[in-house]
Amino acid sequence: MGIFNNLFSSKNINPEEQKDQLKWIPLTSVDQLNEIEQNSSKRPQIIFKHSTSCGISSMVLRTFRSSYFLEENQADLYFLDLHRYREVSNEVANKFQVYHQSPQVLIIKNGIAVADESHGAITSLNLSRYI
């Protein structure tokens, strides 16, 4: 089981990988969803829903961090820890009318979710199409 712990555990993320170029905004409050909705008329709002207890979610997050680069003001990128903020996660699904999955990425433009992907499909998401 040791090899799987190394591959799938979020505790084994290299500190250098933690220093990604993405500017994450912690999504910790239901109130922030109104801000996301309002700001989505100015620029895309991206929500990354992450399960800290899921190895697949950790792998997808690492790949996301290393695969995508956003220039300042292209989009706002929110990080949602599903376990710590379950109420927020439930309200994301409700407000933006998407079926809850994890990991999951939502792209919000003009108040609606224009795209959402989960699991491995996140890594093939063409963000530039929405920016």
N, C-alpha and C. Protein backbone atom coordinates (compact mmCIF):
# COMPACT_ATOMS: atom_id res chain seq x y z
N MET A 1 0.81 -1.19 0.00
CA MET A 1 0.00 0.00 0.00
C MET A 1 0.85 1.26 0.00
N GLY A 2 2.13 1.15 0.35
CA GLY A 2 3.00 2.31 0.40
C GLY A 2 3.10 3.06 -0.91
N ILE A 3 3.17 2.34 -2.02
CA ILE A 3 3.27 3.01 -3.33
C ILE A 3 2.01 3.83 -3.62
N PHE A 4 0.84 3.30 -3.23
CA PHE A 4 -0.39 4.04 -3.47
C PHE A 4 -0.48 5.27 -2.58
N ASN A 5 0.03 5.17 -1.36
CA ASN A 5 0.06 6.35 -0.51
C ASN A 5 0.91 7.44 -1.14
N ASN A 6 2.04 7.05 -1.72
CA ASN A 6 2.91 8.03 -2.36
C ASN A 6 2.27 8.65 -3.59
N LEU A 7 1.55 7.85 -4.36
CA LEU A 7 0.93 8.35 -5.59
C LEU A 7 -0.30 9.19 -5.33
N PHE A 8 -1.10 8.80 -4.35
CA PHE A 8 -2.41 9.41 -4.19
C PHE A 8 -2.56 10.34 -3.00
N SER A 9 -1.66 10.34 -2.08
CA SER A 9 -1.83 11.14 -0.87
C SER A 9 -1.49 12.60 -1.11
N SER A 10 -2.38 13.49 -0.68
CA SER A 10 -2.11 14.92 -0.81
C SER A 10 -1.03 15.36 0.16
N LYS A 11 -0.72 14.53 1.18
CA LYS A 11 0.32 14.88 2.14
C LYS A 11 1.70 14.78 1.51
N ASN A 12 1.83 14.11 0.38
CA ASN A 12 3.12 13.91 -0.25
C ASN A 12 3.39 14.88 -1.39
N ILE A 13 2.66 15.97 -1.45
CA ILE A 13 2.89 16.95 -2.51
C ILE A 13 4.21 17.65 -2.23
N ASN A 14 5.06 17.66 -3.22
CA ASN A 14 6.35 18.33 -3.14
C ASN A 14 6.14 19.82 -2.85
N PRO A 15 6.89 20.39 -1.89
CA PRO A 15 6.72 21.81 -1.58
C PRO A 15 6.88 22.72 -2.79
N GLU A 16 7.71 22.32 -3.74
CA GLU A 16 7.88 23.13 -4.95
C GLU A 16 6.61 23.15 -5.78
N GLU A 17 5.86 22.03 -5.77
CA GLU A 17 4.60 21.99 -6.50
C GLU A 17 3.57 22.91 -5.85
N GLN A 18 3.70 23.11 -4.53
CA GLN A 18 2.77 23.98 -3.82
C GLN A 18 2.92 25.43 -4.29
N LYS A 19 4.11 25.78 -4.75
CA LYS A 19 4.38 27.15 -5.18
C LYS A 19 4.00 27.30 -6.64
N ASP A 20 2.75 27.02 -6.96
CA ASP A 20 2.31 27.14 -8.34
C ASP A 20 2.11 28.61 -8.70
N GLN A 21 1.91 28.83 -9.96
CA GLN A 21 1.77 30.19 -10.48
C GLN A 21 0.33 30.69 -10.39
N LEU A 22 -0.56 29.85 -10.02
CA LEU A 22 -1.97 30.23 -9.96
C LEU A 22 -2.25 30.99 -8.68
N LYS A 23 -3.02 32.04 -8.79
CA LYS A 23 -3.40 32.86 -7.65
C LYS A 23 -4.77 32.41 -7.15
N TRP A 24 -4.77 31.53 -6.18
CA TRP A 24 -6.00 30.95 -5.66
C TRP A 24 -6.68 31.91 -4.68
N ILE A 25 -7.99 31.96 -4.75
CA ILE A 25 -8.81 32.67 -3.78
C ILE A 25 -9.57 31.60 -3.00
N PRO A 26 -9.38 31.51 -1.69
CA PRO A 26 -10.11 30.50 -0.92
C PRO A 26 -11.62 30.77 -0.96
N LEU A 27 -12.38 29.76 -1.29
CA LEU A 27 -13.84 29.87 -1.29
C LEU A 27 -14.33 29.23 0.00
N THR A 28 -14.72 30.08 0.96
CA THR A 28 -15.02 29.62 2.30
C THR A 28 -16.40 30.04 2.79
N SER A 29 -17.11 30.81 1.99
CA SER A 29 -18.39 31.36 2.46
C SER A 29 -19.43 31.35 1.34
N VAL A 30 -20.65 31.06 1.71
CA VAL A 30 -21.76 31.10 0.76
C VAL A 30 -21.91 32.52 0.20
N ASP A 31 -21.62 33.53 1.00
CA ASP A 31 -21.72 34.92 0.55
C ASP A 31 -20.82 35.21 -0.65
N GLN A 32 -19.70 34.52 -0.75
CA GLN A 32 -18.79 34.72 -1.87
C GLN A 32 -19.43 34.34 -3.21
N LEU A 33 -20.43 33.49 -3.18
CA LEU A 33 -21.06 33.05 -4.43
C LEU A 33 -21.77 34.20 -5.12
N ASN A 34 -22.32 35.13 -4.36
CA ASN A 34 -22.92 36.32 -4.97
C ASN A 34 -21.85 37.18 -5.62
N GLU A 35 -20.69 37.31 -4.99
CA GLU A 35 -19.57 38.05 -5.58
C GLU A 35 -19.12 37.39 -6.87
N ILE A 36 -19.02 36.07 -6.84
CA ILE A 36 -18.61 35.32 -8.03
C ILE A 36 -19.60 35.57 -9.16
N GLU A 37 -20.88 35.51 -8.83
CA GLU A 37 -21.91 35.75 -9.84
C GLU A 37 -21.78 37.16 -10.42
N GLN A 38 -21.62 38.16 -9.57
CA GLN A 38 -21.49 39.55 -10.03
C GLN A 38 -20.20 39.76 -10.84
N ASN A 39 -19.08 39.25 -10.33
CA ASN A 39 -17.80 39.45 -11.01
C ASN A 39 -17.70 38.70 -12.33
N SER A 40 -18.56 37.71 -12.51
CA SER A 40 -18.49 36.91 -13.74
C SER A 40 -18.92 37.71 -14.97
N SER A 41 -19.51 38.88 -14.77
CA SER A 41 -19.84 39.72 -15.93
C SER A 41 -18.62 40.51 -16.40
N LYS A 42 -17.60 40.61 -15.55
CA LYS A 42 -16.36 41.32 -15.91
C LYS A 42 -15.31 40.37 -16.48
N ARG A 43 -15.20 39.19 -15.85
CA ARG A 43 -14.22 38.19 -16.29
C ARG A 43 -14.66 36.83 -15.76
N PRO A 44 -14.22 35.76 -16.39
CA PRO A 44 -14.62 34.43 -15.94
C PRO A 44 -14.21 34.17 -14.50
N GLN A 45 -15.05 33.43 -13.82
CA GLN A 45 -14.79 32.99 -12.45
C GLN A 45 -14.66 31.48 -12.51
N ILE A 46 -13.57 30.96 -11.99
CA ILE A 46 -13.30 29.53 -12.04
C ILE A 46 -13.29 28.99 -10.62
N ILE A 47 -14.05 27.93 -10.40
CA ILE A 47 -14.10 27.29 -9.09
C ILE A 47 -13.53 25.88 -9.23
N PHE A 48 -12.51 25.59 -8.42
CA PHE A 48 -11.95 24.25 -8.35
C PHE A 48 -12.41 23.63 -7.04
N LYS A 49 -13.24 22.58 -7.14
CA LYS A 49 -13.75 21.87 -5.97
C LYS A 49 -12.85 20.67 -5.72
N HIS A 50 -12.24 20.64 -4.54
CA HIS A 50 -11.24 19.62 -4.22
C HIS A 50 -11.62 18.84 -2.97
N SER A 51 -11.48 17.52 -3.07
CA SER A 51 -11.69 16.65 -1.92
C SER A 51 -10.32 16.27 -1.36
N THR A 52 -10.04 16.73 -0.15
CA THR A 52 -8.74 16.49 0.46
C THR A 52 -8.52 15.02 0.83
N SER A 53 -9.57 14.22 0.83
CA SER A 53 -9.42 12.81 1.19
C SER A 53 -9.39 11.89 -0.03
N CYS A 54 -9.40 12.47 -1.22
CA CYS A 54 -9.47 11.68 -2.45
C CYS A 54 -8.16 11.75 -3.23
N GLY A 55 -7.57 10.60 -3.46
CA GLY A 55 -6.32 10.54 -4.22
C GLY A 55 -6.47 11.04 -5.64
N ILE A 56 -7.58 10.74 -6.27
CA ILE A 56 -7.81 11.21 -7.64
C ILE A 56 -7.88 12.73 -7.65
N SER A 57 -8.56 13.30 -6.68
CA SER A 57 -8.67 14.75 -6.60
C SER A 57 -7.28 15.39 -6.44
N SER A 58 -6.44 14.78 -5.62
CA SER A 58 -5.08 15.30 -5.42
C SER A 58 -4.26 15.23 -6.70
N MET A 59 -4.39 14.13 -7.44
CA MET A 59 -3.66 14.00 -8.70
C MET A 59 -4.13 15.03 -9.71
N VAL A 60 -5.44 15.21 -9.81
CA VAL A 60 -6.00 16.18 -10.75
C VAL A 60 -5.57 17.60 -10.37
N LEU A 61 -5.56 17.90 -9.09
CA LEU A 61 -5.12 19.22 -8.63
C LEU A 61 -3.67 19.47 -9.01
N ARG A 62 -2.80 18.49 -8.80
CA ARG A 62 -1.39 18.64 -9.19
C ARG A 62 -1.25 18.89 -10.69
N THR A 63 -1.99 18.13 -11.46
CA THR A 63 -1.94 18.30 -12.92
C THR A 63 -2.49 19.66 -13.32
N PHE A 64 -3.58 20.07 -12.71
CA PHE A 64 -4.16 21.38 -12.99
C PHE A 64 -3.15 22.48 -12.70
N ARG A 65 -2.50 22.40 -11.54
CA ARG A 65 -1.52 23.40 -11.15
C ARG A 65 -0.37 23.51 -12.15
N SER A 66 0.06 22.39 -12.68
CA SER A 66 1.20 22.40 -13.58
C SER A 66 0.82 22.63 -15.04
N SER A 67 -0.46 22.49 -15.37
CA SER A 67 -0.89 22.58 -16.77
C SER A 67 -1.45 23.93 -17.17
N TYR A 68 -1.94 24.68 -16.21
CA TYR A 68 -2.63 25.92 -16.55
C TYR A 68 -1.88 27.12 -15.98
N PHE A 69 -1.84 28.17 -16.77
CA PHE A 69 -1.28 29.44 -16.33
C PHE A 69 -2.29 30.52 -16.68
N LEU A 70 -2.64 31.32 -15.72
CA LEU A 70 -3.56 32.42 -15.97
C LEU A 70 -2.83 33.73 -15.71
N GLU A 71 -2.90 34.61 -16.66
CA GLU A 71 -2.34 35.94 -16.45
C GLU A 71 -3.27 36.72 -15.53
N GLU A 72 -2.69 37.67 -14.83
CA GLU A 72 -3.48 38.48 -13.91
C GLU A 72 -4.64 39.13 -14.65
N ASN A 73 -5.79 39.12 -14.03
CA ASN A 73 -7.03 39.71 -14.55
C ASN A 73 -7.68 38.93 -15.69
N GLN A 74 -7.16 37.75 -16.04
CA GLN A 74 -7.83 36.92 -17.05
C GLN A 74 -9.06 36.26 -16.46
N ALA A 75 -8.94 35.84 -15.21
CA ALA A 75 -10.02 35.14 -14.52
C ALA A 75 -9.71 35.15 -13.03
N ASP A 76 -10.74 34.94 -12.23
CA ASP A 76 -10.55 34.74 -10.80
C ASP A 76 -10.65 33.25 -10.55
N LEU A 77 -9.72 32.71 -9.78
CA LEU A 77 -9.63 31.28 -9.56
C LEU A 77 -9.86 30.98 -8.08
N TYR A 78 -10.96 30.29 -7.81
CA TYR A 78 -11.35 29.96 -6.44
C TYR A 78 -11.05 28.51 -6.13
N PHE A 79 -10.61 28.27 -4.90
CA PHE A 79 -10.32 26.92 -4.42
C PHE A 79 -11.30 26.59 -3.30
N LEU A 80 -12.03 25.49 -3.46
CA LEU A 80 -13.02 25.07 -2.47
C LEU A 80 -12.65 23.71 -1.90
N ASP A 81 -12.35 23.68 -0.61
CA ASP A 81 -12.11 22.44 0.13
C ASP A 81 -13.47 21.88 0.51
N LEU A 82 -13.87 20.82 -0.17
CA LEU A 82 -15.22 20.27 0.00
C LEU A 82 -15.52 19.79 1.41
N HIS A 83 -14.54 19.29 2.10
CA HIS A 83 -14.79 18.76 3.43
C HIS A 83 -14.94 19.86 4.48
N ARG A 84 -14.14 20.87 4.38
CA ARG A 84 -14.21 21.96 5.35
C ARG A 84 -15.42 22.86 5.12
N TYR A 85 -15.84 22.96 3.85
CA TYR A 85 -16.91 23.89 3.50
C TYR A 85 -18.02 23.19 2.72
N ARG A 86 -18.57 22.16 3.33
CA ARG A 86 -19.61 21.34 2.70
C ARG A 86 -20.82 22.19 2.31
N GLU A 87 -21.23 23.11 3.19
CA GLU A 87 -22.38 23.97 2.91
C GLU A 87 -22.13 24.82 1.66
N VAL A 88 -20.91 25.31 1.52
CA VAL A 88 -20.57 26.13 0.34
C VAL A 88 -20.63 25.26 -0.91
N SER A 89 -20.09 24.05 -0.82
CA SER A 89 -20.11 23.13 -1.95
C SER A 89 -21.54 22.83 -2.39
N ASN A 90 -22.41 22.58 -1.43
CA ASN A 90 -23.81 22.30 -1.76
C ASN A 90 -24.47 23.50 -2.44
N GLU A 91 -24.16 24.68 -1.97
CA GLU A 91 -24.75 25.89 -2.54
C GLU A 91 -24.19 26.19 -3.94
N VAL A 92 -22.92 25.85 -4.19
CA VAL A 92 -22.36 25.99 -5.54
C VAL A 92 -23.19 25.17 -6.52
N ALA A 93 -23.45 23.92 -6.17
CA ALA A 93 -24.24 23.04 -7.04
C ALA A 93 -25.63 23.62 -7.27
N ASN A 94 -26.24 24.12 -6.22
CA ASN A 94 -27.58 24.68 -6.30
C ASN A 94 -27.61 25.97 -7.11
N LYS A 95 -26.77 26.90 -6.76
CA LYS A 95 -26.78 28.23 -7.39
C LYS A 95 -26.45 28.17 -8.88
N PHE A 96 -25.46 27.34 -9.24
CA PHE A 96 -25.03 27.31 -10.63
C PHE A 96 -25.57 26.11 -11.40
N GLN A 97 -26.52 25.39 -10.78
CA GLN A 97 -27.25 24.30 -11.43
C GLN A 97 -26.33 23.26 -12.07
N VAL A 98 -25.38 22.77 -11.27
CA VAL A 98 -24.49 21.70 -11.72
C VAL A 98 -24.57 20.55 -10.73
N TYR A 99 -24.49 19.37 -11.24
CA TYR A 99 -24.49 18.18 -10.41
C TYR A 99 -23.16 18.12 -9.66
N HIS A 100 -23.20 17.95 -8.34
CA HIS A 100 -21.98 17.92 -7.54
C HIS A 100 -21.12 16.71 -7.87
N GLN A 101 -19.83 16.97 -8.10
CA GLN A 101 -18.84 15.92 -8.27
C GLN A 101 -17.54 16.45 -7.66
N SER A 102 -16.61 15.55 -7.45
CA SER A 102 -15.29 16.00 -7.00
C SER A 102 -14.24 15.01 -7.49
N PRO A 103 -13.14 15.57 -7.92
CA PRO A 103 -12.90 16.99 -8.11
C PRO A 103 -13.76 17.52 -9.25
N GLN A 104 -13.91 18.82 -9.25
CA GLN A 104 -14.75 19.44 -10.28
C GLN A 104 -14.28 20.87 -10.51
N VAL A 105 -14.34 21.31 -11.75
CA VAL A 105 -14.05 22.70 -12.11
C VAL A 105 -15.29 23.27 -12.78
N LEU A 106 -15.66 24.46 -12.33
CA LEU A 106 -16.77 25.19 -12.94
C LEU A 106 -16.23 26.50 -13.49
N ILE A 107 -16.74 26.89 -14.64
CA ILE A 107 -16.42 28.19 -15.21
C ILE A 107 -17.72 28.98 -15.26
N ILE A 108 -17.71 30.13 -14.57
CA ILE A 108 -18.89 30.96 -14.45
C ILE A 108 -18.69 32.23 -15.27
N LYS A 109 -19.62 32.50 -16.19
CA LYS A 109 -19.60 33.73 -16.99
C LYS A 109 -21.02 34.28 -17.01
N ASN A 110 -21.13 35.59 -16.83
CA ASN A 110 -22.43 36.25 -16.85
C ASN A 110 -23.45 35.56 -15.95
N GLY A 111 -22.97 35.11 -14.78
CA GLY A 111 -23.86 34.56 -13.78
C GLY A 111 -24.25 33.11 -13.93
N ILE A 112 -23.77 32.45 -14.97
CA ILE A 112 -24.14 31.04 -15.17
C ILE A 112 -22.89 30.18 -15.39
N ALA A 113 -23.02 28.91 -15.09
CA ALA A 113 -21.93 27.96 -15.35
C ALA A 113 -21.95 27.63 -16.85
N VAL A 114 -20.93 28.08 -17.55
CA VAL A 114 -20.85 27.82 -18.99
C VAL A 114 -20.09 26.53 -19.28
N ALA A 115 -19.39 26.03 -18.26
CA ALA A 115 -18.67 24.76 -18.41
C ALA A 115 -18.43 24.17 -17.04
N ASP A 116 -18.44 22.86 -16.98
CA ASP A 116 -18.00 22.17 -15.77
C ASP A 116 -17.48 20.80 -16.18
N GLU A 117 -16.39 20.43 -15.57
CA GLU A 117 -15.79 19.12 -15.81
C GLU A 117 -15.40 18.52 -14.48
N SER A 118 -15.28 17.21 -14.46
CA SER A 118 -14.88 16.54 -13.23
C SER A 118 -13.87 15.45 -13.54
N HIS A 119 -13.22 15.01 -12.48
CA HIS A 119 -12.25 13.94 -12.52
C HIS A 119 -11.19 14.20 -13.59
N GLY A 120 -10.82 13.21 -14.37
CA GLY A 120 -9.77 13.35 -15.37
C GLY A 120 -10.08 14.32 -16.49
N ALA A 121 -11.36 14.57 -16.74
CA ALA A 121 -11.73 15.50 -17.83
C ALA A 121 -11.29 16.93 -17.52
N ILE A 122 -11.01 17.22 -16.27
CA ILE A 122 -10.55 18.56 -15.90
C ILE A 122 -9.25 18.89 -16.62
N THR A 123 -8.36 17.91 -16.73
CA THR A 123 -7.05 18.16 -17.31
C THR A 123 -7.12 18.41 -18.82
N SER A 124 -8.21 18.04 -19.45
CA SER A 124 -8.33 18.28 -20.89
C SER A 124 -9.20 19.50 -21.19
N LEU A 125 -9.65 20.17 -20.14
CA LEU A 125 -10.48 21.36 -20.31
C LEU A 125 -9.67 22.49 -20.94
N ASN A 126 -10.19 23.07 -22.01
CA ASN A 126 -9.51 24.17 -22.69
C ASN A 126 -9.98 25.50 -22.08
N LEU A 127 -9.27 25.95 -21.04
CA LEU A 127 -9.66 27.18 -20.36
C LEU A 127 -9.62 28.39 -21.28
N SER A 128 -8.70 28.43 -22.21
CA SER A 128 -8.57 29.58 -23.09
C SER A 128 -9.84 29.83 -23.90
N ARG A 129 -10.62 28.81 -24.09
CA ARG A 129 -11.89 28.94 -24.82
C ARG A 129 -12.87 29.86 -24.08
N TYR A 130 -12.71 29.96 -22.77
CA TYR A 130 -13.65 30.72 -21.95
C TYR A 130 -13.08 32.04 -21.43
N ILE A 131 -11.85 32.30 -21.75
CA ILE A 131 -11.20 33.51 -21.22
C ILE A 131 -11.10 34.57 -22.29
